[in-house]
């Protein structure tokens, strides 16, 4: 049984993420969805329970059979969510995204629990405007450096096994010319072996701007989900930085999965 946690604060953003997940996981008998709500004041407990029951009924109508409701009082959302994911041995956390600054906290070096560093489980980030229309094409972005030691194979396979989708492994590097270097060929062979059962296709894009390249690739290949492997905080901070001038198409339409070692 796969435990999948969906944090809910009853905002439209979190509700959209829950509905997206419900449609994504509909009619699967191997999934247990955990709706999780944290509230700060004791008097909010009854309201939380009522809203969770209402959302549970809605998701059951969408085809989710097993739904667990968890609510608790607290003030450190990231710490509590990480603890819950660890206790449940969760396969996935599905979260909506609103302000980029809030999401940077998930991967920052702040005082709260660093979910990425704890390597609890992959986090699926669902943009506010994302609508589930099936997942046919999944893109895995890799830098093709020391892939044996830096690719979270089990986490990625867990997600791939949820869907029947085509796997596209893509690398962006301005040094790509007519032919790949021996180093890239060797790393590609390793990746091919890692994900052999998914028959991956490989793409090497010779561009300077990673974001522009992935955006264009996503449009060209009709990508429904992008998997990234953050190896440092600066990558995530840059990706979700409010000061970043380029807004990727997938930031508003295509979910992004952060899978960590």
Foldseek 3Di string as FASTA:
>chain_A
DAEEEQEDPPDLQSLQLVLQVLLLQAQDPVYAYEYEYEAADPVCVVVLVVVVVVSVVVSVVSHDDHYHYYYYYDDQVLQVVLVVLQVVLHLEYTYEDDALVVVLVCCDPDPHDNNQVVQSYKYKYAYSQADDPAFAEEEEEDQLDPCVPWPPLVSVVSVCVSHLYAYEYEYEALPDDDDDDPSSVVSVVVVCVSPVVRVYHYYYHNDDDPQVVVLVVCVVVVGQEYEYEDPHSVVSCQLSPPPNPDDRPCNHYHMYMYHYD
